[in-house]
Structure formats: C-alpha cells, structure tokens
Amino acid sequence: MVITNKLSITYSAVMPSGESAVKTAESNAVGTEILSYSVTRSLSCDKTAVFEGEAFRNTVVVTNTSAAALTDIRLSVPSVDGASFVVGSVKINGVAQPSFDPFNGFALPDLAAGGKAVIEYELRAVGPITLSPLTHSATIDYSVADPVRGGVRYSENTNTVSVNVVADNISIVKSVDRAYAVRGESLHYTAVVTNNGGMAKSGLVFRDPIPVGTTFVANSVKLNGIGYSVYDPETGFVLRGLAAGEAVTVEFDVTVD
C-alpha cells in the first residue's frame, strides 16, 4: 500500500487584454509505502486443541511485497503462559535450526522485494494448566534503507492464534479398611475413580487382580453403593461413562486364606 499526495493551487490571472483567467498549478506527487501492509506476517497453528503434554506446530510466513529490501530481520515470541518450547523444532525455509529458540529470538535471512520466509517451531502444553486457551503471537523486527531518512528499524507483530488445552486426567485412589489382619478375616477394598479432565470419558473397564493369598468374596462388588452380583474384579467389568469432574466408587471384599 502506497499513500500518494500532491497539491494544487488555483489562481486568477489578468491577461494583457484585461480579461481574467483562472489557472491551476499542481505540485509533483510524493509517495510513502506503508510497510505494515507490504510486509505481511501471518501465524498459523496445526491444531486448535491439544491435551496436556501435547505439542503443536506453529508456522510464521513473512512475505515482502514492498519495493524495499528487508535486512537484519529477527523473529521472537514472547513467553507463553502454560506452554514450553520444544527444543530443536525450529525450521527456516525447511532447514532445521536446532540451536534456535523463538523465546530468545533468532535472525532470519534478508528478504529482497518479492521474497518470502517460512518459519516453523513447536510449543508444548504443560501442566498444571495456567491458561486455557494458550494464546500467542510472534514479533518481526527488520530494517529498511529509507531514501529520505536513511536506515530505519521497525517492529511489528503477527496475528494472534489460540489453542485450547484439554485436561485429560483420570485419578484412581485405592484404600483398604485395615492395615493388619489374620487368616479368615475379610479385607474391604475401595477405589475412587475420578475424571479430572475437561471432557467426558467412556468405555472405562475396571480390573483389579485379586491379591495372592486371598480369595474374592462373591457378590461383594458395589458401584456407588449399589451391588452387582455378577461382577468380578479379576476378570474386569465396564463402568459407566464419567462426565468431566465426575467420580465413581468401586468396592469389593476378599478373604485372607
């Protein structure tokens, strides 16, 4: 985009014959190229949602459609709350740059008029989640030779991208009703299965091998206090689906041999 400007002056002149004439004089045109539009900076991500601990690849494309050459170009990414950089993941125009880190910033090749640079790097969602979605942008710094002012340096950001983070944890807490026992006594086991994730879970199968030296007490399985006479922890059984934040309590007994 180029902003052009020229001025005109309208004036009246009296001819030698005494007649008046209206005249217009125009200046030369001056132009200023707006590099914010001529140097495009687009950021995209290969995923819109990730699980905790999952990596996602970001791509920055810098395109120079201006008439000026861009020199001393540098890309940097402000630290992202809830994400870490995957070491060794940077590529520039398809060439791996294992020592580069976008959080520290790194240099890019100069871009002549019409040139383009493609930068790739990976971030990883880390737990505990501190920010969801993960939102970030990249900053491009570059210099141009202004015919009027000489060397000038600019700094502009890309667009912002957001990646949703899905917590996907299931916790299982098991307890027994006594720390000491003798032969012939029963042990009562309780397991609390909780969906700590951000999405519903289905197809859950509960299996608990009966400990050596004990015998399973038939008909002792309970789910949330309700008895299930045909269930056997050794062979396993299906639990109903758990919504986010929901839990189920599984109980059963064994007898010490």
C-alpha atoms as a PDB file:
ATOM      1  CA  MET A   1       0.000   0.000   0.000  1.00  0.00           C
ATOM      2  CA  VAL A   2       1.366   3.411  -1.040  1.00  0.00           C
ATOM      3  CA  ILE A   3      -0.049   6.693   0.207  1.00  0.00           C
ATOM      4  CA  THR A   4       0.411   9.333  -2.522  1.00  0.00           C
ATOM      5  CA  ASN A   5      -0.101  13.041  -2.211  1.00  0.00           C
ATOM      6  CA  LYS A   6       0.182  16.146  -4.381  1.00  0.00           C
ATOM      7  CA  LEU A   7      -1.268  19.584  -4.078  1.00  0.00           C
ATOM      8  CA  SER A   8      -2.820  22.062  -6.454  1.00  0.00           C
ATOM      9  CA  ILE A   9      -3.162  25.820  -6.357  1.00  0.00           C
ATOM     10  CA  THR A  10      -5.887  27.642  -8.202  1.00  0.00           C
ATOM     11  CA  TYR A  11      -5.297  31.254  -9.050  1.00  0.00           C
ATOM     12  CA  SER A  12      -6.619  34.070 -11.224  1.00  0.00           C
ATOM     13  CA  ALA A  13      -4.510  35.883 -13.774  1.00  0.00           C
ATOM     14  CA  VAL A  14      -5.283  39.070 -15.706  1.00  0.00           C
ATOM     15  CA  MET A  15      -4.369  38.864 -19.350  1.00  0.00           C
ATOM     16  CA  PRO A  16      -2.796  41.850 -21.171  1.00  0.00           C
ATOM     17  CA  SER A  17      -6.152  42.342 -22.848  1.00  0.00           C
ATOM     18  CA  GLY A  18      -7.703  42.877 -19.441  1.00  0.00           C
ATOM     19  CA  GLU A  19      -9.513  39.561 -19.377  1.00  0.00           C
ATOM     20  CA  SER A  20      -9.291  37.398 -16.228  1.00  0.00           C
ATOM     21  CA  ALA A  21      -8.349  33.729 -16.447  1.00  0.00           C
ATOM     22  CA  VAL A  22      -8.499  31.032 -13.747  1.00  0.00           C
ATOM     23  CA  LYS A  23      -5.487  28.743 -13.708  1.00  0.00           C
ATOM     24  CA  THR A  24      -4.432  25.650 -11.695  1.00  0.00           C
ATOM     25  CA  ALA A  25      -0.895  24.641 -10.833  1.00  0.00           C
ATOM     26  CA  GLU A  26      -0.040  21.196  -9.460  1.00  0.00           C
ATOM     27  CA  SER A  27       2.923  20.021  -7.453  1.00  0.00           C
ATOM     28  CA  ASN A  28       4.822  16.815  -8.050  1.00  0.00           C
ATOM     29  CA  ALA A  29       3.395  13.696  -6.405  1.00  0.00           C
ATOM     30  CA  VAL A  30       5.059  12.206  -3.331  1.00  0.00           C
ATOM     31  CA  GLY A  31       4.513   8.698  -2.051  1.00  0.00           C
ATOM     32  CA  THR A  32       5.024   6.772   1.162  1.00  0.00           C
ATOM     33  CA  GLU A  33       4.809   2.994   1.172  1.00  0.00           C
ATOM     34  CA  ILE A  34       3.102   1.581   4.270  1.00  0.00           C
ATOM     35  CA  LEU A  35       5.187  -1.439   5.152  1.00  0.00           C
ATOM     36  CA  SER A  36       2.569  -2.712   7.600  1.00  0.00           C
ATOM     37  CA  TYR A  37       0.610  -3.813   4.532  1.00  0.00           C
ATOM     38  CA  SER A  38       3.509  -4.571   2.197  1.00  0.00           C
ATOM     39  CA  VAL A  39       5.357  -6.803   4.664  1.00  0.00           C
ATOM     40  CA  THR A  40       2.792  -9.422   5.669  1.00  0.00           C
ATOM     41  CA  ARG A  41       3.274 -11.543   8.781  1.00  0.00           C
ATOM     42  CA  SER A  42       0.925 -14.485   9.244  1.00  0.00           C
ATOM     43  CA  LEU A  43       0.975 -17.008  12.103  1.00  0.00           C
ATOM     44  CA  SER A  44      -0.914 -20.317  11.939  1.00  0.00           C
ATOM     45  CA  CYS A  45      -1.070 -23.478  14.051  1.00  0.00           C
ATOM     46  CA  ASP A  46      -1.619 -27.090  13.023  1.00  0.00           C
ATOM     47  CA  LYS A  47      -4.065 -27.755  15.888  1.00  0.00           C
ATOM     48  CA  THR A  48      -6.973 -25.960  17.524  1.00  0.00           C
ATOM     49  CA  ALA A  49      -6.992 -28.137  20.658  1.00  0.00           C
ATOM     50  CA  VAL A  50      -4.397 -30.286  22.441  1.00  0.00           C
ATOM     51  CA  PHE A  51      -4.191 -32.464  25.520  1.00  0.00           C
ATOM     52  CA  GLU A  52      -1.895 -31.629  28.432  1.00  0.00           C
ATOM     53  CA  GLY A  53       1.659 -32.526  27.422  1.00  0.00           C
ATOM     54  CA  GLU A  54       0.895 -32.497  23.679  1.00  0.00           C
ATOM     55  CA  ALA A  55       2.956 -30.446  21.208  1.00  0.00           C
ATOM     56  CA  PHE A  56       1.615 -28.223  18.439  1.00  0.00           C
ATOM     57  CA  ARG A  57       3.441 -26.788  15.416  1.00  0.00           C
ATOM     58  CA  ASN A  58       3.327 -23.081  14.558  1.00  0.00           C
ATOM     59  CA  THR A  59       4.195 -21.568  11.182  1.00  0.00           C
ATOM     60  CA  VAL A  60       5.079 -17.929  10.543  1.00  0.00           C
ATOM     61  CA  VAL A  61       5.151 -16.722   6.927  1.00  0.00           C
ATOM     62  CA  VAL A  62       6.831 -13.364   6.247  1.00  0.00           C
ATOM     63  CA  THR A  63       6.272 -12.030   2.725  1.00  0.00           C
ATOM     64  CA  ASN A  64       7.892  -8.875   1.350  1.00  0.00           C
ATOM     65  CA  THR A  65       5.735  -7.330  -1.374  1.00  0.00           C
ATOM     66  CA  SER A  66       7.286  -3.900  -0.902  1.00  0.00           C
ATOM     67  CA  ALA A  67       9.849  -2.239  -3.138  1.00  0.00           C
ATOM     68  CA  ALA A  68      12.413  -2.228  -0.332  1.00  0.00           C
ATOM     69  CA  ALA A  69      14.802  -4.956   0.746  1.00  0.00           C
ATOM     70  CA  LEU A  70      14.392  -6.063   4.362  1.00  0.00           C
ATOM     71  CA  THR A  71      17.619  -6.574   6.295  1.00  0.00           C
ATOM     72  CA  ASP A  72      18.648  -7.567   9.815  1.00  0.00           C
ATOM     73  CA  ILE A  73      15.386  -9.465  10.263  1.00  0.00           C
ATOM     74  CA  ARG A  74      14.684 -11.104  13.624  1.00  0.00           C
ATOM     75  CA  LEU A  75      11.801 -13.239  14.889  1.00  0.00           C
ATOM     76  CA  SER A  76      10.889 -13.574  18.540  1.00  0.00           C
ATOM     77  CA  VAL A  77       7.973 -14.998  20.515  1.00  0.00           C
ATOM     78  CA  PRO A  78       7.004 -13.672  23.960  1.00  0.00           C
ATOM     79  CA  SER A  79       6.900 -16.455  26.563  1.00  0.00           C
ATOM     80  CA  VAL A  80       3.566 -18.268  26.566  1.00  0.00           C
ATOM     81  CA  ASP A  81       1.942 -18.939  29.933  1.00  0.00           C
ATOM     82  CA  GLY A  82       1.161 -22.658  30.029  1.00  0.00           C
ATOM     83  CA  ALA A  83       3.477 -23.706  27.180  1.00  0.00           C
ATOM     84  CA  SER A  84       7.136 -24.582  26.703  1.00  0.00           C
ATOM     85  CA  PHE A  85       9.319 -24.556  23.595  1.00  0.00           C
ATOM     86  CA  VAL A  86      10.191 -27.920  22.034  1.00  0.00           C
ATOM     87  CA  VAL A  87      13.975 -27.769  21.739  1.00  0.00           C
ATOM     88  CA  GLY A  88      15.310 -28.421  18.239  1.00  0.00           C
ATOM     89  CA  SER A  89      11.981 -27.867  16.479  1.00  0.00           C
ATOM     90  CA  VAL A  90      12.817 -24.650  14.566  1.00  0.00           C
ATOM     91  CA  LYS A  91      12.965 -24.734  10.782  1.00  0.00           C
ATOM     92  CA  ILE A  92      13.597 -21.821   8.417  1.00  0.00           C
ATOM     93  CA  ASN A  93      12.525 -22.419   4.836  1.00  0.00           C
ATOM     94  CA  GLY A  94      12.517 -26.149   5.567  1.00  0.00           C
ATOM     95  CA  VAL A  95      16.056 -26.217   7.008  1.00  0.00           C
ATOM     96  CA  ALA A  96      16.379 -27.340  10.633  1.00  0.00           C
ATOM     97  CA  GLN A  97      17.944 -24.866  13.054  1.00  0.00           C
ATOM     98  CA  PRO A  98      18.445 -26.994  16.193  1.00  0.00           C
ATOM     99  CA  SER A  99      20.076 -24.259  18.281  1.00  0.00           C
ATOM    100  CA  PHE A 100      17.380 -21.624  17.676  1.00  0.00           C
ATOM    101  CA  ASP A 101      14.805 -20.723  20.339  1.00  0.00           C
ATOM    102  CA  PRO A 102      11.901 -18.374  19.480  1.00  0.00           C
ATOM    103  CA  PHE A 103      11.567 -17.281  23.116  1.00  0.00           C
ATOM    104  CA  ASN A 104      15.129 -15.928  22.885  1.00  0.00           C
ATOM    105  CA  GLY A 105      14.686 -14.770  19.284  1.00  0.00           C
ATOM    106  CA  PHE A 106      16.799 -15.515  16.219  1.00  0.00           C
ATOM    107  CA  ALA A 107      17.885 -13.941  12.918  1.00  0.00           C
ATOM    108  CA  LEU A 108      16.216 -14.588   9.556  1.00  0.00           C
ATOM    109  CA  PRO A 109      17.701 -14.258   6.060  1.00  0.00           C
ATOM    110  CA  ASP A 110      17.368 -10.869   4.342  1.00  0.00           C
ATOM    111  CA  LEU A 111      14.312 -10.569   2.121  1.00  0.00           C
ATOM    112  CA  ALA A 112      14.580  -8.824  -1.229  1.00  0.00           C
ATOM    113  CA  ALA A 113      11.469  -7.350  -2.835  1.00  0.00           C
ATOM    114  CA  GLY A 114       9.141 -10.265  -3.514  1.00  0.00           C
ATOM    115  CA  GLY A 115      10.935 -12.558  -1.051  1.00  0.00           C
ATOM    116  CA  LYS A 116       9.338 -14.885   1.498  1.00  0.00           C
ATOM    117  CA  ALA A 117      10.481 -16.712   4.623  1.00  0.00           C
ATOM    118  CA  VAL A 118       8.696 -19.644   6.292  1.00  0.00           C
ATOM    119  CA  ILE A 119       9.500 -20.264   9.953  1.00  0.00           C
ATOM    120  CA  GLU A 120       8.269 -23.289  11.910  1.00  0.00           C
ATOM    121  CA  TYR A 121       8.557 -24.110  15.613  1.00  0.00           C
ATOM    122  CA  GLU A 122       6.769 -26.270  18.173  1.00  0.00           C
ATOM    123  CA  LEU A 123       5.341 -25.456  21.585  1.00  0.00           C
ATOM    124  CA  ARG A 124       4.074 -27.951  24.143  1.00  0.00           C
ATOM    125  CA  ALA A 125       1.155 -27.557  26.555  1.00  0.00           C
ATOM    126  CA  VAL A 126       2.465 -28.126  30.068  1.00  0.00           C
ATOM    127  CA  GLY A 127       0.677 -28.902  33.305  1.00  0.00           C
ATOM    128  CA  PRO A 128      -0.660 -27.741  35.533  1.00  0.00           C
ATOM    129  CA  ILE A 129      -2.715 -25.670  33.137  1.00  0.00           C
ATOM    130  CA  THR A 130      -2.296 -21.982  33.925  1.00  0.00           C
ATOM    131  CA  LEU A 131      -4.018 -20.551  30.895  1.00  0.00           C
ATOM    132  CA  SER A 132      -6.563 -22.069  28.540  1.00  0.00           C
ATOM    133  CA  PRO A 133      -6.635 -21.435  25.690  1.00  0.00           C
ATOM    134  CA  LEU A 134      -2.934 -20.877  25.022  1.00  0.00           C
ATOM    135  CA  THR A 135      -2.657 -17.615  23.103  1.00  0.00           C
ATOM    136  CA  HIS A 136       0.422 -16.194  21.437  1.00  0.00           C
ATOM    137  CA  SER A 137       1.824 -14.167  18.555  1.00  0.00           C
ATOM    138  CA  ALA A 138       5.270 -13.576  17.061  1.00  0.00           C
ATOM    139  CA  THR A 139       7.196 -10.337  16.593  1.00  0.00           C
ATOM    140  CA  ILE A 140       9.154  -9.476  13.445  1.00  0.00           C
ATOM    141  CA  ASP A 141      11.877  -6.807  13.601  1.00  0.00           C
ATOM    142  CA  TYR A 142      13.527  -5.589  10.403  1.00  0.00           C
ATOM    143  CA  SER A 143      15.411  -2.673   8.849  1.00  0.00           C
ATOM    144  CA  VAL A 144      14.961  -0.813   5.553  1.00  0.00           C
ATOM    145  CA  ALA A 145      17.019   1.833   3.767  1.00  0.00           C
ATOM    146  CA  ASP A 146      14.732   4.876   3.578  1.00  0.00           C
ATOM    147  CA  PRO A 147      15.876   7.176   0.700  1.00  0.00           C
ATOM    148  CA  VAL A 148      14.894  10.190   2.801  1.00  0.00           C
ATOM    149  CA  ARG A 149      15.907   9.217   6.355  1.00  0.00           C
ATOM    150  CA  GLY A 150      18.500   6.510   5.857  1.00  0.00           C
ATOM    151  CA  GLY A 151      18.363   3.239   7.775  1.00  0.00           C
ATOM    152  CA  VAL A 152      15.145   2.753   9.748  1.00  0.00           C
ATOM    153  CA  ARG A 153      14.162  -0.162  12.010  1.00  0.00           C
ATOM    154  CA  TYR A 154      10.606  -1.399  12.521  1.00  0.00           C
ATOM    155  CA  SER A 155       8.932  -3.921  14.811  1.00  0.00           C
ATOM    156  CA  GLU A 156       5.503  -5.426  14.147  1.00  0.00           C
ATOM    157  CA  ASN A 157       3.509  -8.387  15.435  1.00  0.00           C
ATOM    158  CA  THR A 158       1.826 -11.226  13.607  1.00  0.00           C
ATOM    159  CA  ASN A 159      -1.799 -12.104  14.152  1.00  0.00           C
ATOM    160  CA  THR A 160      -2.663 -13.978  17.362  1.00  0.00           C
ATOM    161  CA  VAL A 161      -3.513 -17.687  17.475  1.00  0.00           C
ATOM    162  CA  SER A 162      -5.219 -19.626  20.270  1.00  0.00           C
ATOM    163  CA  VAL A 163      -5.045 -23.327  21.111  1.00  0.00           C
ATOM    164  CA  ASN A 164      -7.475 -24.863  23.589  1.00  0.00           C
ATOM    165  CA  VAL A 165      -5.979 -27.186  26.190  1.00  0.00           C
ATOM    166  CA  VAL A 166      -7.997 -30.204  27.298  1.00  0.00           C
ATOM    167  CA  ALA A 167      -7.160 -31.677  30.691  1.00  0.00           C
ATOM    168  CA  ASP A 168      -7.281 -35.454  30.246  1.00  0.00           C
ATOM    169  CA  ASN A 169      -6.501 -36.881  33.682  1.00  0.00           C
ATOM    170  CA  ILE A 170      -8.212 -39.760  35.454  1.00  0.00           C
ATOM    171  CA  SER A 171      -7.197 -40.297  39.075  1.00  0.00           C
ATOM    172  CA  ILE A 172      -7.627 -43.579  40.940  1.00  0.00           C
ATOM    173  CA  VAL A 173      -7.344 -43.636  44.725  1.00  0.00           C
ATOM    174  CA  LYS A 174      -7.461 -47.049  46.388  1.00  0.00           C
ATOM    175  CA  SER A 175      -7.805 -47.809  50.107  1.00  0.00           C
ATOM    176  CA  VAL A 176      -8.236 -50.860  52.359  1.00  0.00           C
ATOM    177  CA  ASP A 177     -10.090 -50.962  55.656  1.00  0.00           C
ATOM    178  CA  ARG A 178      -7.284 -52.458  57.767  1.00  0.00           C
ATOM    179  CA  ALA A 179      -3.510 -52.418  57.907  1.00  0.00           C
ATOM    180  CA  TYR A 180      -3.233 -55.726  59.780  1.00  0.00           C
ATOM    181  CA  ALA A 181      -5.270 -58.930  59.500  1.00  0.00           C
ATOM    182  CA  VAL A 182      -5.130 -62.679  60.236  1.00  0.00           C
ATOM    183  CA  ARG A 183      -6.297 -65.706  58.261  1.00  0.00           C
ATOM    184  CA  GLY A 184     -10.041 -65.864  57.798  1.00  0.00           C
ATOM    185  CA  GLU A 185     -10.587 -62.093  58.057  1.00  0.00           C
ATOM    186  CA  SER A 186     -12.052 -60.050  55.238  1.00  0.00           C
ATOM    187  CA  LEU A 187     -10.366 -57.088  53.600  1.00  0.00           C
ATOM    188  CA  HIS A 188     -12.611 -54.388  52.179  1.00  0.00           C
ATOM    189  CA  TYR A 189     -11.120 -52.524  49.201  1.00  0.00           C
ATOM    190  CA  THR A 190     -12.425 -49.164  47.979  1.00  0.00           C
ATOM    191  CA  ALA A 191     -11.366 -47.452  44.753  1.00  0.00           C
ATOM    192  CA  VAL A 192     -12.483 -43.940  43.793  1.00  0.00           C
ATOM    193  CA  VAL A 193     -12.146 -43.254  40.059  1.00  0.00           C
ATOM    194  CA  THR A 194     -12.405 -39.539  39.217  1.00  0.00           C
ATOM    195  CA  ASN A 195     -12.470 -37.865  35.817  1.00  0.00           C
ATOM    196  CA  ASN A 196     -10.298 -34.799  36.428  1.00  0.00           C
ATOM    197  CA  GLY A 197     -10.204 -33.972  32.733  1.00  0.00           C
ATOM    198  CA  GLY A 198     -12.161 -31.450  30.755  1.00  0.00           C
ATOM    199  CA  MET A 199     -14.018 -33.963  28.606  1.00  0.00           C
ATOM    200  CA  ALA A 200     -16.322 -36.942  29.193  1.00  0.00           C
ATOM    201  CA  LYS A 201     -14.785 -40.423  29.374  1.00  0.00           C
ATOM    202  CA  SER A 202     -16.448 -43.586  28.122  1.00  0.00           C
ATOM    203  CA  GLY A 203     -15.524 -47.237  27.710  1.00  0.00           C
ATOM    204  CA  LEU A 204     -13.905 -47.435  31.149  1.00  0.00           C
ATOM    205  CA  VAL A 205     -13.000 -51.010  32.166  1.00  0.00           C
ATOM    206  CA  PHE A 206     -12.189 -51.756  35.814  1.00  0.00           C
ATOM    207  CA  ARG A 207      -9.741 -54.586  36.516  1.00  0.00           C
ATOM    208  CA  ASP A 208      -8.167 -55.427  39.860  1.00  0.00           C
ATOM    209  CA  PRO A 209      -6.306 -58.754  40.153  1.00  0.00           C
ATOM    210  CA  ILE A 210      -7.193 -60.483  43.412  1.00  0.00           C
ATOM    211  CA  PRO A 211      -4.091 -60.434  45.658  1.00  0.00           C
ATOM    212  CA  VAL A 212      -2.169 -63.672  46.113  1.00  0.00           C
ATOM    213  CA  GLY A 213      -3.109 -65.207  49.461  1.00  0.00           C
ATOM    214  CA  THR A 214      -6.721 -64.033  49.323  1.00  0.00           C
ATOM    215  CA  THR A 215      -9.988 -65.206  47.787  1.00  0.00           C
ATOM    216  CA  PHE A 216     -12.549 -62.905  46.231  1.00  0.00           C
ATOM    217  CA  VAL A 217     -15.849 -62.747  48.090  1.00  0.00           C
ATOM    218  CA  ALA A 218     -18.566 -63.412  45.515  1.00  0.00           C
ATOM    219  CA  ASN A 219     -21.363 -60.839  45.216  1.00  0.00           C
ATOM    220  CA  SER A 220     -19.320 -58.214  47.099  1.00  0.00           C
ATOM    221  CA  VAL A 221     -18.806 -55.719  44.276  1.00  0.00           C
ATOM    222  CA  LYS A 222     -20.600 -52.394  44.709  1.00  0.00           C
ATOM    223  CA  LEU A 223     -20.611 -49.338  42.444  1.00  0.00           C
ATOM    224  CA  ASN A 224     -21.584 -46.153  44.255  1.00  0.00           C
ATOM    225  CA  GLY A 225     -23.148 -48.321  46.968  1.00  0.00           C
ATOM    226  CA  ILE A 226     -25.206 -50.495  44.585  1.00  0.00           C
ATOM    227  CA  GLY A 227     -24.430 -54.240  44.496  1.00  0.00           C
ATOM    228  CA  TYR A 228     -23.518 -56.017  41.248  1.00  0.00           C
ATOM    229  CA  SER A 229     -23.593 -59.740  41.967  1.00  0.00           C
ATOM    230  CA  VAL A 230     -22.087 -60.939  38.671  1.00  0.00           C
ATOM    231  CA  TYR A 231     -19.105 -58.568  38.683  1.00  0.00           C
ATOM    232  CA  ASP A 232     -15.630 -59.944  39.368  1.00  0.00           C
ATOM    233  CA  PRO A 233     -12.623 -57.596  39.674  1.00  0.00           C
ATOM    234  CA  GLU A 234     -10.262 -60.316  38.423  1.00  0.00           C
ATOM    235  CA  THR A 235     -11.960 -60.603  35.012  1.00  0.00           C
ATOM    236  CA  GLY A 236     -12.963 -56.942  34.961  1.00  0.00           C
ATOM    237  CA  PHE A 237     -16.190 -55.088  34.258  1.00  0.00           C
ATOM    238  CA  VAL A 238     -17.332 -51.965  32.436  1.00  0.00           C
ATOM    239  CA  LEU A 239     -18.006 -48.750  34.327  1.00  0.00           C
ATOM    240  CA  ARG A 240     -20.494 -46.215  33.076  1.00  0.00           C
ATOM    241  CA  GLY A 241     -19.180 -43.104  31.386  1.00  0.00           C
ATOM    242  CA  LEU A 242     -17.907 -40.270  33.543  1.00  0.00           C
ATOM    243  CA  ALA A 243     -18.616 -36.634  32.774  1.00  0.00           C
ATOM    244  CA  ALA A 244     -15.891 -34.067  33.437  1.00  0.00           C
ATOM    245  CA  GLY A 245     -15.363 -33.840  37.193  1.00  0.00           C
ATOM    246  CA  GLU A 246     -17.496 -36.914  37.922  1.00  0.00           C
ATOM    247  CA  ALA A 247     -16.382 -39.904  40.079  1.00  0.00           C
ATOM    248  CA  VAL A 248     -17.447 -43.488  40.748  1.00  0.00           C
ATOM    249  CA  THR A 249     -16.681 -45.529  43.871  1.00  0.00           C
ATOM    250  CA  VAL A 250     -15.953 -49.250  43.454  1.00  0.00           C
ATOM    251  CA  GLU A 251     -15.910 -51.591  46.456  1.00  0.00           C
ATOM    252  CA  PHE A 252     -15.288 -55.334  46.923  1.00  0.00           C
ATOM    253  CA  ASP A 253     -14.128 -57.825  49.562  1.00  0.00           C
ATOM    254  CA  VAL A 254     -11.552 -60.593  49.743  1.00  0.00           C
ATOM    255  CA  THR A 255     -10.905 -63.180  52.447  1.00  0.00           C
ATOM    256  CA  VAL A 256      -7.393 -63.875  53.745  1.00  0.00           C
ATOM    257  CA  ASP A 257      -6.539 -67.546  53.054  1.00  0.00           C
END
